[in-house]
Amino acid sequence: MTTPYLIPAEEIRREQVVANSRFIATLAPVANTEKARAFIARIRGEFPDASHNVPAYVIGGGNTVSDYCSDDGEPSGTAGRPALAVLRGSGLGDVAVVITRYFGGTLLGKGGLVKAYTESTQMVVNDIRRARRQQVHVALLAVPYNLLERVRLMVNKYQGEVQDEAFAADITMTFRYPVENAEQLQGELSELSAGKLQAETIETTEVLLPV
């Protein structure tokens, strides 16, 4: 079983100037290698006149990851590797970063480049909001009026969320809840209604929950 891991909740950008060189770090969630490559291509397209667009990404999390980095023309080991090291140390998975550099005319040296690319990546890693993925069932349930409040409380008890209620002869409730709570929730619904209520799963999907 894959160990749960945190991912970025959004895309963010931070910028710093080091010895007249402008460093623009953009970090984003990426679900797979294809999306990581598309993100990198988009940032390169946004800054086509930059001196360098240095990419790094980590797909997966925990001990099961694939990763990539490139120096994009900077001296070997001074740009992509430092960025990737920050990503790997952040605890985030499914994450990509591109550090865009506009050369300011002052050579930084290898040590200065490593420091600049490390700090630029740390800026976005430190500021990003974290989220976790959770598999959920989206379910339909016809609820008698006399049981409505108790069913609402039950959905909440099992970390669910009511998304819609349509009022007619009964109330047709649409709600989602974590997959791992399915057996307990269905059992309690059955107990509440003497076996008459059972939620019908119409979709199983994945949501991002802020942490």
Protein backbone atom coordinates (compact mmCIF):
# COMPACT_ATOMS: atom_id res chain seq x y z
CA MET A 1 0.00 0.00 0.00
CA THR A 2 1.31 3.47 -0.89
CA THR A 3 2.26 5.64 2.07
CA PRO A 4 0.08 8.80 2.19
CA TYR A 5 1.93 11.99 1.35
CA LEU A 6 1.23 15.69 1.06
CA ILE A 7 1.02 17.57 -2.23
CA PRO A 8 0.83 21.28 -3.12
CA ALA A 9 -2.68 22.69 -2.87
CA GLU A 10 -2.10 25.31 -5.57
CA GLU A 11 0.42 26.93 -7.89
CA ILE A 12 2.50 29.77 -6.48
CA ARG A 13 5.34 32.03 -7.57
CA ARG A 14 8.03 33.88 -5.62
CA GLU A 15 10.88 36.09 -6.79
CA GLN A 16 14.23 37.34 -5.53
CA VAL A 17 17.13 39.34 -6.94
CA VAL A 18 20.69 38.10 -6.30
CA ALA A 19 23.61 40.26 -7.52
CA ASN A 20 21.35 41.82 -10.19
CA SER A 21 20.15 38.41 -11.46
CA ARG A 22 16.41 37.91 -11.19
CA PHE A 23 15.25 34.49 -9.97
CA ILE A 24 11.55 33.63 -10.39
CA ALA A 25 10.45 30.34 -8.80
CA THR A 26 7.13 28.80 -9.83
CA LEU A 27 5.86 25.68 -8.03
CA ALA A 28 2.79 23.61 -8.88
CA PRO A 29 1.06 20.29 -8.17
CA VAL A 30 1.56 17.72 -10.94
CA ALA A 31 -0.21 14.35 -10.87
CA ASN A 32 2.16 12.54 -13.23
CA THR A 33 5.22 12.90 -15.44
CA GLU A 34 3.20 14.12 -18.44
CA LYS A 35 1.66 16.95 -16.39
CA ALA A 36 5.06 17.83 -14.97
CA ARG A 37 6.49 18.15 -18.49
CA ALA A 38 3.50 20.22 -19.60
CA PHE A 39 3.98 22.56 -16.62
CA ILE A 40 7.69 22.98 -17.42
CA ALA A 41 6.87 23.70 -21.08
CA ARG A 42 4.25 26.28 -20.03
CA ILE A 43 6.70 28.17 -17.81
CA ARG A 44 9.38 28.09 -20.53
CA GLY A 45 6.78 29.47 -22.92
CA GLU A 46 5.93 32.24 -20.45
CA PHE A 47 9.59 33.27 -20.09
CA PRO A 48 11.13 32.49 -23.51
CA ASP A 49 13.71 35.27 -23.20
CA ALA A 50 15.06 34.10 -19.82
CA SER A 51 18.71 33.11 -19.48
CA HIS A 52 17.66 29.80 -17.90
CA ASN A 53 14.48 27.93 -16.93
CA VAL A 54 15.67 25.30 -14.46
CA PRO A 55 13.16 22.47 -13.79
CA ALA A 56 12.85 19.81 -11.11
CA TYR A 57 10.01 17.52 -10.13
CA VAL A 58 9.09 14.65 -7.82
CA ILE A 59 6.26 12.30 -8.79
CA GLY A 60 4.85 10.02 -6.11
CA GLY A 61 5.75 10.24 -2.45
CA GLY A 62 7.40 8.46 0.46
CA ASN A 63 9.80 5.79 -0.74
CA THR A 64 8.11 5.36 -4.14
CA VAL A 65 9.07 8.30 -6.29
CA SER A 66 10.42 9.21 -9.68
CA ASP A 67 12.25 12.50 -10.05
CA TYR A 68 13.98 14.68 -12.61
CA CYS A 69 16.04 17.83 -12.78
CA SER A 70 18.08 19.79 -15.32
CA ASP A 71 20.62 22.60 -15.04
CA ASP A 72 19.31 24.10 -18.31
CA GLY A 73 22.68 25.49 -19.28
CA GLU A 74 23.93 26.50 -15.83
CA PRO A 75 27.21 24.85 -14.70
CA SER A 76 26.67 21.18 -13.90
CA GLY A 77 25.21 20.53 -10.45
CA THR A 78 24.61 24.19 -9.58
CA ALA A 79 20.90 24.57 -10.38
CA GLY A 80 18.69 21.52 -10.97
CA ARG A 81 20.25 19.36 -8.25
CA PRO A 82 19.89 21.97 -5.51
CA ALA A 83 16.26 22.56 -6.51
CA LEU A 84 15.53 18.84 -6.51
CA ALA A 85 17.22 18.42 -3.13
CA VAL A 86 14.85 21.00 -1.63
CA LEU A 87 11.82 19.25 -3.15
CA ARG A 88 12.97 15.87 -1.85
CA GLY A 89 13.51 17.30 1.62
CA SER A 90 10.14 19.07 1.73
CA GLY A 91 7.98 15.97 2.27
CA LEU A 92 5.89 16.94 -0.75
CA GLY A 93 5.06 14.60 -3.61
CA ASP A 94 3.59 15.23 -7.05
CA VAL A 95 5.34 18.57 -7.18
CA ALA A 96 7.25 20.48 -9.86
CA VAL A 97 9.24 23.69 -9.77
CA VAL A 98 10.82 25.86 -12.44
CA ILE A 99 13.31 28.54 -11.43
CA THR A 100 13.56 31.17 -14.13
CA ARG A 101 16.75 33.26 -14.17
CA TYR A 102 17.38 36.53 -15.92
CA PHE A 103 21.16 37.08 -15.83
CA GLY A 104 22.06 40.44 -14.35
CA GLY A 105 25.64 40.74 -15.58
CA THR A 106 27.39 39.58 -12.40
CA LEU A 107 28.82 36.05 -12.24
CA LEU A 108 27.78 34.30 -9.05
CA GLY A 109 30.23 31.41 -9.12
CA LYS A 110 29.26 27.82 -8.45
CA GLY A 111 28.67 28.35 -4.74
CA GLY A 112 26.58 31.45 -5.38
CA LEU A 113 24.46 29.64 -7.96
CA VAL A 114 23.81 26.70 -5.63
CA LYS A 115 22.78 29.12 -2.89
CA ALA A 116 20.52 31.16 -5.19
CA TYR A 117 18.72 28.15 -6.67
CA THR A 118 18.39 26.51 -3.24
CA GLU A 119 16.93 29.66 -1.67
CA SER A 120 14.59 30.30 -4.61
CA THR A 121 13.15 26.79 -4.30
CA GLN A 122 12.88 27.11 -0.53
CA MET A 123 10.84 30.30 -0.94
CA VAL A 124 8.03 28.53 -2.77
CA VAL A 125 8.27 25.32 -0.73
CA ASN A 126 7.98 27.27 2.52
CA ASP A 127 4.99 29.32 1.35
CA ILE A 128 2.94 26.62 -0.40
CA ARG A 129 -0.26 25.41 1.23
CA ARG A 130 -0.30 21.63 1.67
CA ALA A 131 -3.12 19.24 0.82
CA ARG A 132 -3.72 15.51 0.86
CA ARG A 133 -5.57 13.32 -1.58
CA GLN A 134 -8.56 11.35 -0.39
CA GLN A 135 -10.69 8.84 -2.25
CA VAL A 136 -14.40 9.47 -1.76
CA HIS A 137 -17.69 7.92 -2.77
CA VAL A 138 -20.37 10.25 -4.10
CA ALA A 139 -23.70 8.75 -3.06
CA LEU A 140 -27.45 9.21 -3.44
CA LEU A 141 -29.88 8.44 -0.63
CA ALA A 142 -33.67 8.83 -0.37
CA VAL A 143 -34.28 9.96 3.21
CA PRO A 144 -37.67 10.11 4.95
CA TYR A 145 -38.37 13.51 6.50
CA ASN A 146 -38.41 12.10 10.03
CA LEU A 147 -34.84 10.79 9.65
CA LEU A 148 -33.31 13.77 7.85
CA GLU A 149 -31.53 15.39 10.79
CA ARG A 150 -30.16 12.07 12.02
CA VAL A 151 -28.82 11.18 8.56
CA ARG A 152 -27.21 14.62 8.25
CA LEU A 153 -25.46 14.05 11.58
CA MET A 154 -24.39 10.58 10.45
CA VAL A 155 -22.86 11.89 7.23
CA ASN A 156 -20.92 14.44 9.27
CA LYS A 157 -19.86 11.76 11.77
CA TYR A 158 -18.15 9.80 8.99
CA GLN A 159 -16.31 12.87 7.59
CA GLY A 160 -18.85 13.28 4.81
CA GLU A 161 -20.22 16.37 3.14
CA VAL A 162 -23.81 16.90 1.98
CA GLN A 163 -23.71 18.41 -1.50
CA ASP A 164 -27.40 18.63 -2.39
CA GLU A 165 -30.89 17.92 -1.00
CA ALA A 166 -33.94 17.68 -3.28
CA PHE A 167 -37.25 17.82 -1.39
CA ALA A 168 -40.20 15.77 -2.70
CA ALA A 169 -42.06 12.81 -1.15
CA ASP A 170 -38.70 11.99 0.42
CA ILE A 171 -35.49 14.02 0.46
CA THR A 172 -32.99 12.89 -2.16
CA MET A 173 -29.64 13.61 -0.59
CA THR A 174 -26.39 13.72 -2.53
CA PHE A 175 -23.29 13.48 -0.38
CA ARG A 176 -19.69 12.38 -0.50
CA TYR A 177 -17.66 10.63 2.14
CA PRO A 178 -14.30 8.82 2.50
CA VAL A 179 -14.17 5.38 0.87
CA GLU A 180 -12.72 3.83 4.02
CA ASN A 181 -15.87 4.74 5.97
CA ALA A 182 -18.28 3.00 3.57
CA GLU A 183 -18.92 -0.16 5.58
CA GLN A 184 -19.56 1.64 8.86
CA LEU A 185 -21.80 4.29 7.32
CA GLN A 186 -23.90 1.76 5.40
CA GLY A 187 -24.21 -0.37 8.52
CA GLU A 188 -25.41 2.53 10.63
CA LEU A 189 -27.89 3.62 7.95
CA SER A 190 -29.32 0.10 7.88
CA GLU A 191 -29.56 -0.01 11.67
CA LEU A 192 -31.27 3.38 11.78
CA SER A 193 -33.93 2.38 9.25
CA ALA A 194 -34.45 -1.32 10.03
CA GLY A 195 -32.64 -2.21 6.80
CA LYS A 196 -34.56 0.17 4.52
CA LEU A 197 -31.87 2.79 3.83
CA GLN A 198 -28.82 2.15 1.71
CA ALA A 199 -26.71 4.80 0.01
CA GLU A 200 -26.22 4.26 -3.71
CA THR A 201 -22.69 5.04 -4.87
CA ILE A 202 -22.83 6.95 -8.15
CA GLU A 203 -19.13 7.86 -8.41
CA THR A 204 -15.82 7.16 -6.75
CA THR A 205 -13.36 9.98 -7.16
CA GLU A 206 -10.48 11.81 -5.54
CA VAL A 207 -10.53 15.16 -3.75
CA LEU A 208 -7.84 17.40 -2.31
CA LEU A 209 -8.21 18.27 1.36
CA PRO A 210 -6.20 21.19 2.79
CA VAL A 211 -4.10 20.33 5.82
